[in-house]
Structure formats: C-alpha cells, structure tokens
Amino acid sequence: MHPMTMNYAIALALLAVNMVAFLAFGIDKWKAKRHRWRIPESTLILLAAVGGSIGAYLGMQAFHHKTQHRKFTWGVPAIIAVQLVVVAVFEFGS
C-alpha cells in the first residue's frame, strides 16, 4: 500500500473511532437520564484506548458525562498523553 494511501486510511479510521467515542458518551448520558440500559464503562474506556481518546474527552466535556469519575477524568487524559508519545516516537524517532 502506498504510504499516502495508508496515512489516509489511518486518518479515516481515527476520525471514525473518535466520532463513535464522542457519540457513545452522548448516548450513555441520554440513557442515564432515562434510567435505561447503559454502555459499560469498560466500553467507553476501550473506545478511548483504541484511538478515540480525543472524541471521548470532547464527549465528556460536551455532555458533562463521567466528569466526576476519576477513571475518566484521569484515565482519558492519560490515554491521550500515551497516544501522543507513541505518535511522537513513530514520527520523530530514529
């Protein structure tokens, strides 16, 4: 696969997972208000860990959801930090 095509595919995949993470936080907040079946916390964290950390963080802020849970207020920013380090190592490393 051509490097440019691969970069495009990776960018699209990251955009998709971030959109899913953002929407998952919104849907879970909506369900919480209505006492409906909820999205498991492990699923929300997993979405952040597989590349949707920015979408998860934005979803937390936009929907004011999970902002009182340490697992999320510390965990999601920690995931973002680790992902940024990984990108920096692959981009700028030798």
N, C-alpha and C. Protein backbone atom coordinates (compact mmCIF):
# COMPACT_ATOMS: atom_id res chain seq x y z
N MET A 1 0.85 -1.18 0.00
CA MET A 1 0.00 0.00 0.00
C MET A 1 0.90 1.24 0.00
N HIS A 2 0.54 2.19 -0.79
CA HIS A 2 1.30 3.45 -0.89
C HIS A 2 1.23 4.17 0.47
N PRO A 3 2.36 4.76 0.92
CA PRO A 3 2.37 5.43 2.24
C PRO A 3 1.29 6.50 2.38
N MET A 4 1.02 7.26 1.33
CA MET A 4 -0.01 8.31 1.41
C MET A 4 -1.39 7.69 1.59
N THR A 5 -1.65 6.61 0.88
CA THR A 5 -2.92 5.91 1.00
C THR A 5 -3.08 5.33 2.41
N MET A 6 -1.97 4.80 2.94
CA MET A 6 -2.01 4.24 4.29
C MET A 6 -2.27 5.33 5.32
N ASN A 7 -1.62 6.48 5.18
CA ASN A 7 -1.85 7.61 6.09
C ASN A 7 -3.30 8.06 6.02
N TYR A 8 -3.85 8.10 4.83
CA TYR A 8 -5.26 8.49 4.64
C TYR A 8 -6.18 7.49 5.32
N ALA A 9 -5.89 6.21 5.18
CA ALA A 9 -6.71 5.16 5.80
C ALA A 9 -6.65 5.25 7.32
N ILE A 10 -5.45 5.50 7.85
CA ILE A 10 -5.29 5.63 9.30
C ILE A 10 -6.06 6.85 9.80
N ALA A 11 -5.95 7.96 9.07
CA ALA A 11 -6.67 9.19 9.46
C ALA A 11 -8.17 8.97 9.46
N LEU A 12 -8.68 8.27 8.45
CA LEU A 12 -10.12 7.98 8.39
C LEU A 12 -10.56 7.07 9.54
N ALA A 13 -9.74 6.07 9.84
CA ALA A 13 -10.06 5.16 10.95
C ALA A 13 -10.08 5.91 12.27
N LEU A 14 -9.10 6.80 12.49
CA LEU A 14 -9.07 7.58 13.73
C LEU A 14 -10.25 8.54 13.81
N LEU A 15 -10.60 9.15 12.70
CA LEU A 15 -11.77 10.02 12.68
C LEU A 15 -13.03 9.23 13.04
N ALA A 16 -13.16 8.05 12.47
CA ALA A 16 -14.34 7.22 12.75
C ALA A 16 -14.42 6.80 14.21
N VAL A 17 -13.31 6.32 14.78
CA VAL A 17 -13.34 5.87 16.18
C VAL A 17 -13.58 7.04 17.12
N ASN A 18 -13.07 8.22 16.78
CA ASN A 18 -13.32 9.40 17.62
C ASN A 18 -14.78 9.83 17.56
N MET A 19 -15.37 9.73 16.38
CA MET A 19 -16.80 10.05 16.26
C MET A 19 -17.64 9.06 17.05
N VAL A 20 -17.29 7.78 16.97
CA VAL A 20 -18.02 6.75 17.73
C VAL A 20 -17.88 7.00 19.22
N ALA A 21 -16.67 7.31 19.68
CA ALA A 21 -16.45 7.57 21.11
C ALA A 21 -17.26 8.77 21.57
N PHE A 22 -17.23 9.85 20.80
CA PHE A 22 -17.99 11.05 21.15
C PHE A 22 -19.48 10.72 21.26
N LEU A 23 -20.00 10.03 20.26
CA LEU A 23 -21.43 9.67 20.26
C LEU A 23 -21.76 8.71 21.40
N ALA A 24 -20.85 7.80 21.71
CA ALA A 24 -21.09 6.85 22.80
C ALA A 24 -21.28 7.57 24.13
N PHE A 25 -20.48 8.60 24.39
CA PHE A 25 -20.65 9.37 25.62
C PHE A 25 -21.99 10.10 25.63
N GLY A 26 -22.38 10.63 24.48
CA GLY A 26 -23.68 11.30 24.39
C GLY A 26 -24.84 10.35 24.58
N ILE A 27 -24.76 9.19 23.96
CA ILE A 27 -25.82 8.19 24.08
C ILE A 27 -25.90 7.69 25.51
N ASP A 28 -24.74 7.42 26.13
CA ASP A 28 -24.75 6.93 27.51
C ASP A 28 -25.34 7.96 28.45
N LYS A 29 -25.05 9.23 28.24
CA LYS A 29 -25.64 10.29 29.07
C LYS A 29 -27.15 10.33 28.89
N TRP A 30 -27.59 10.23 27.64
CA TRP A 30 -29.03 10.22 27.35
C TRP A 30 -29.71 9.05 28.05
N LYS A 31 -29.08 7.88 27.98
CA LYS A 31 -29.64 6.69 28.63
C LYS A 31 -29.63 6.83 30.15
N ALA A 32 -28.60 7.44 30.70
CA ALA A 32 -28.51 7.62 32.15
C ALA A 32 -29.66 8.48 32.65
N LYS A 33 -29.98 9.52 31.93
CA LYS A 33 -31.07 10.41 32.34
C LYS A 33 -32.42 9.71 32.31
N ARG A 34 -32.55 8.70 31.47
CA ARG A 34 -33.82 8.00 31.30
C ARG A 34 -33.85 6.64 31.99
N HIS A 35 -32.82 6.37 32.80
CA HIS A 35 -32.73 5.11 33.55
C HIS A 35 -32.86 3.90 32.63
N ARG A 36 -32.16 3.97 31.51
CA ARG A 36 -32.17 2.89 30.53
C ARG A 36 -30.87 2.09 30.63
N TRP A 37 -30.80 1.00 29.87
CA TRP A 37 -29.59 0.20 29.80
C TRP A 37 -28.43 1.08 29.36
N ARG A 38 -27.28 0.94 30.02
CA ARG A 38 -26.15 1.84 29.80
C ARG A 38 -25.03 1.15 29.03
N ILE A 39 -24.20 1.97 28.44
CA ILE A 39 -22.99 1.49 27.79
C ILE A 39 -21.98 1.22 28.91
N PRO A 40 -21.40 0.03 28.95
CA PRO A 40 -20.45 -0.27 30.03
C PRO A 40 -19.26 0.70 30.04
N GLU A 41 -18.80 1.04 31.24
CA GLU A 41 -17.65 1.93 31.37
C GLU A 41 -16.44 1.35 30.65
N SER A 42 -16.30 0.04 30.70
CA SER A 42 -15.15 -0.59 30.02
C SER A 42 -15.19 -0.34 28.52
N THR A 43 -16.37 -0.27 27.95
CA THR A 43 -16.50 0.01 26.51
C THR A 43 -16.10 1.45 26.22
N LEU A 44 -16.51 2.38 27.07
CA LEU A 44 -16.14 3.78 26.88
C LEU A 44 -14.63 3.96 26.97
N ILE A 45 -14.00 3.31 27.94
CA ILE A 45 -12.54 3.39 28.09
C ILE A 45 -11.86 2.71 26.90
N LEU A 46 -12.39 1.58 26.46
CA LEU A 46 -11.82 0.87 25.31
C LEU A 46 -11.85 1.74 24.07
N LEU A 47 -12.94 2.44 23.84
CA LEU A 47 -13.03 3.34 22.68
C LEU A 47 -11.94 4.41 22.73
N ALA A 48 -11.68 4.92 23.93
CA ALA A 48 -10.59 5.90 24.08
C ALA A 48 -9.24 5.25 23.79
N ALA A 49 -9.05 4.05 24.31
CA ALA A 49 -7.75 3.38 24.19
C ALA A 49 -7.41 2.97 22.76
N VAL A 50 -8.41 2.67 21.95
CA VAL A 50 -8.12 2.23 20.57
C VAL A 50 -8.01 3.39 19.60
N GLY A 51 -7.91 4.60 20.11
CA GLY A 51 -7.68 5.75 19.25
C GLY A 51 -8.74 6.83 19.33
N GLY A 52 -9.78 6.60 20.11
CA GLY A 52 -10.85 7.58 20.22
C GLY A 52 -10.76 8.47 21.44
N SER A 53 -9.55 8.68 21.94
CA SER A 53 -9.39 9.43 23.19
C SER A 53 -9.82 10.89 23.07
N ILE A 54 -9.54 11.53 21.96
CA ILE A 54 -9.95 12.93 21.78
C ILE A 54 -11.48 13.01 21.72
N GLY A 55 -12.10 12.12 20.98
CA GLY A 55 -13.56 12.08 20.91
C GLY A 55 -14.18 11.79 22.27
N ALA A 56 -13.56 10.89 23.03
CA ALA A 56 -14.05 10.57 24.37
C ALA A 56 -13.96 11.80 25.27
N TYR A 57 -12.82 12.47 25.23
CA TYR A 57 -12.64 13.67 26.06
C TYR A 57 -13.64 14.76 25.67
N LEU A 58 -13.79 14.99 24.37
CA LEU A 58 -14.74 16.01 23.92
C LEU A 58 -16.17 15.62 24.29
N GLY A 59 -16.49 14.33 24.23
CA GLY A 59 -17.81 13.85 24.64
C GLY A 59 -18.05 14.07 26.12
N MET A 60 -17.02 13.82 26.92
CA MET A 60 -17.14 14.07 28.37
C MET A 60 -17.48 15.53 28.63
N GLN A 61 -16.79 16.42 27.93
CA GLN A 61 -17.00 17.84 28.15
C GLN A 61 -18.33 18.32 27.58
N ALA A 62 -18.64 17.89 26.38
CA ALA A 62 -19.86 18.36 25.71
C ALA A 62 -21.13 17.90 26.42
N PHE A 63 -21.11 16.66 26.91
CA PHE A 63 -22.31 16.10 27.53
C PHE A 63 -22.25 16.12 29.05
N HIS A 64 -21.15 16.66 29.62
CA HIS A 64 -20.96 16.69 31.07
C HIS A 64 -21.20 15.29 31.64
N HIS A 65 -20.51 14.34 31.04
CA HIS A 65 -20.72 12.94 31.38
C HIS A 65 -19.42 12.29 31.85
N LYS A 66 -19.49 11.61 32.96
CA LYS A 66 -18.36 10.91 33.57
C LYS A 66 -17.29 11.88 34.06
N THR A 67 -17.64 13.13 34.26
CA THR A 67 -16.66 14.13 34.68
C THR A 67 -16.40 14.09 36.19
N GLN A 68 -17.13 13.27 36.92
CA GLN A 68 -16.90 13.12 38.36
C GLN A 68 -16.24 11.78 38.68
N HIS A 69 -15.88 11.03 37.65
CA HIS A 69 -15.29 9.71 37.84
C HIS A 69 -13.80 9.77 37.55
N ARG A 70 -12.99 9.44 38.57
CA ARG A 70 -11.53 9.50 38.40
C ARG A 70 -11.04 8.64 37.24
N LYS A 71 -11.69 7.50 37.06
CA LYS A 71 -11.32 6.59 35.98
C LYS A 71 -11.33 7.34 34.64
N PHE A 72 -12.22 8.29 34.51
CA PHE A 72 -12.36 9.04 33.26
C PHE A 72 -11.60 10.37 33.30
N THR A 73 -11.70 11.10 34.42
CA THR A 73 -11.06 12.41 34.47
C THR A 73 -9.53 12.31 34.46
N TRP A 74 -9.00 11.21 34.96
CA TRP A 74 -7.56 10.97 34.91
C TRP A 74 -7.21 10.02 33.78
N GLY A 75 -8.05 9.02 33.58
CA GLY A 75 -7.76 7.97 32.60
C GLY A 75 -7.74 8.43 31.16
N VAL A 76 -8.76 9.18 30.75
CA VAL A 76 -8.82 9.62 29.35
C VAL A 76 -7.66 10.57 29.02
N PRO A 77 -7.37 11.58 29.84
CA PRO A 77 -6.18 12.40 29.55
C PRO A 77 -4.88 11.59 29.56
N ALA A 78 -4.79 10.59 30.43
CA ALA A 78 -3.59 9.73 30.45
C ALA A 78 -3.47 8.95 29.15
N ILE A 79 -4.59 8.46 28.65
CA ILE A 79 -4.59 7.74 27.37
C ILE A 79 -4.15 8.68 26.25
N ILE A 80 -4.66 9.91 26.26
CA ILE A 80 -4.26 10.89 25.25
C ILE A 80 -2.74 11.11 25.32
N ALA A 81 -2.20 11.27 26.51
CA ALA A 81 -0.76 11.50 26.67
C ALA A 81 0.05 10.34 26.12
N VAL A 82 -0.35 9.13 26.46
CA VAL A 82 0.37 7.94 25.97
C VAL A 82 0.29 7.88 24.45
N GLN A 83 -0.89 8.15 23.89
CA GLN A 83 -1.03 8.12 22.44
C GLN A 83 -0.17 9.18 21.76
N LEU A 84 -0.06 10.36 22.36
CA LEU A 84 0.79 11.40 21.80
C LEU A 84 2.27 11.00 21.83
N VAL A 85 2.68 10.34 22.91
CA VAL A 85 4.06 9.87 23.00
C VAL A 85 4.32 8.81 21.92
N VAL A 86 3.39 7.90 21.74
CA VAL A 86 3.55 6.85 20.72
C VAL A 86 3.67 7.49 19.33
N VAL A 87 2.81 8.45 19.03
CA VAL A 87 2.87 9.14 17.73
C VAL A 87 4.21 9.86 17.58
N ALA A 88 4.66 10.53 18.62
CA ALA A 88 5.93 11.26 18.55
C ALA A 88 7.09 10.31 18.31
N VAL A 89 7.09 9.17 18.98
CA VAL A 89 8.17 8.20 18.81
C VAL A 89 8.18 7.67 17.38
N PHE A 90 7.02 7.33 16.85
CA PHE A 90 6.97 6.82 15.48
C PHE A 90 7.26 7.90 14.45
N GLU A 91 6.85 9.12 14.73
CA GLU A 91 7.03 10.21 13.77
C GLU A 91 8.45 10.77 13.80
N PHE A 92 8.99 10.95 15.00
CA PHE A 92 10.28 11.63 15.13
C PHE A 92 11.41 10.73 15.59
N GLY A 93 11.08 9.50 15.98
CA GLY A 93 12.11 8.57 16.45
C GLY A 93 12.98 8.09 15.31
N SER A 94 14.08 7.50 15.67
CA SER A 94 15.01 7.05 14.62
C SER A 94 14.68 5.70 14.08
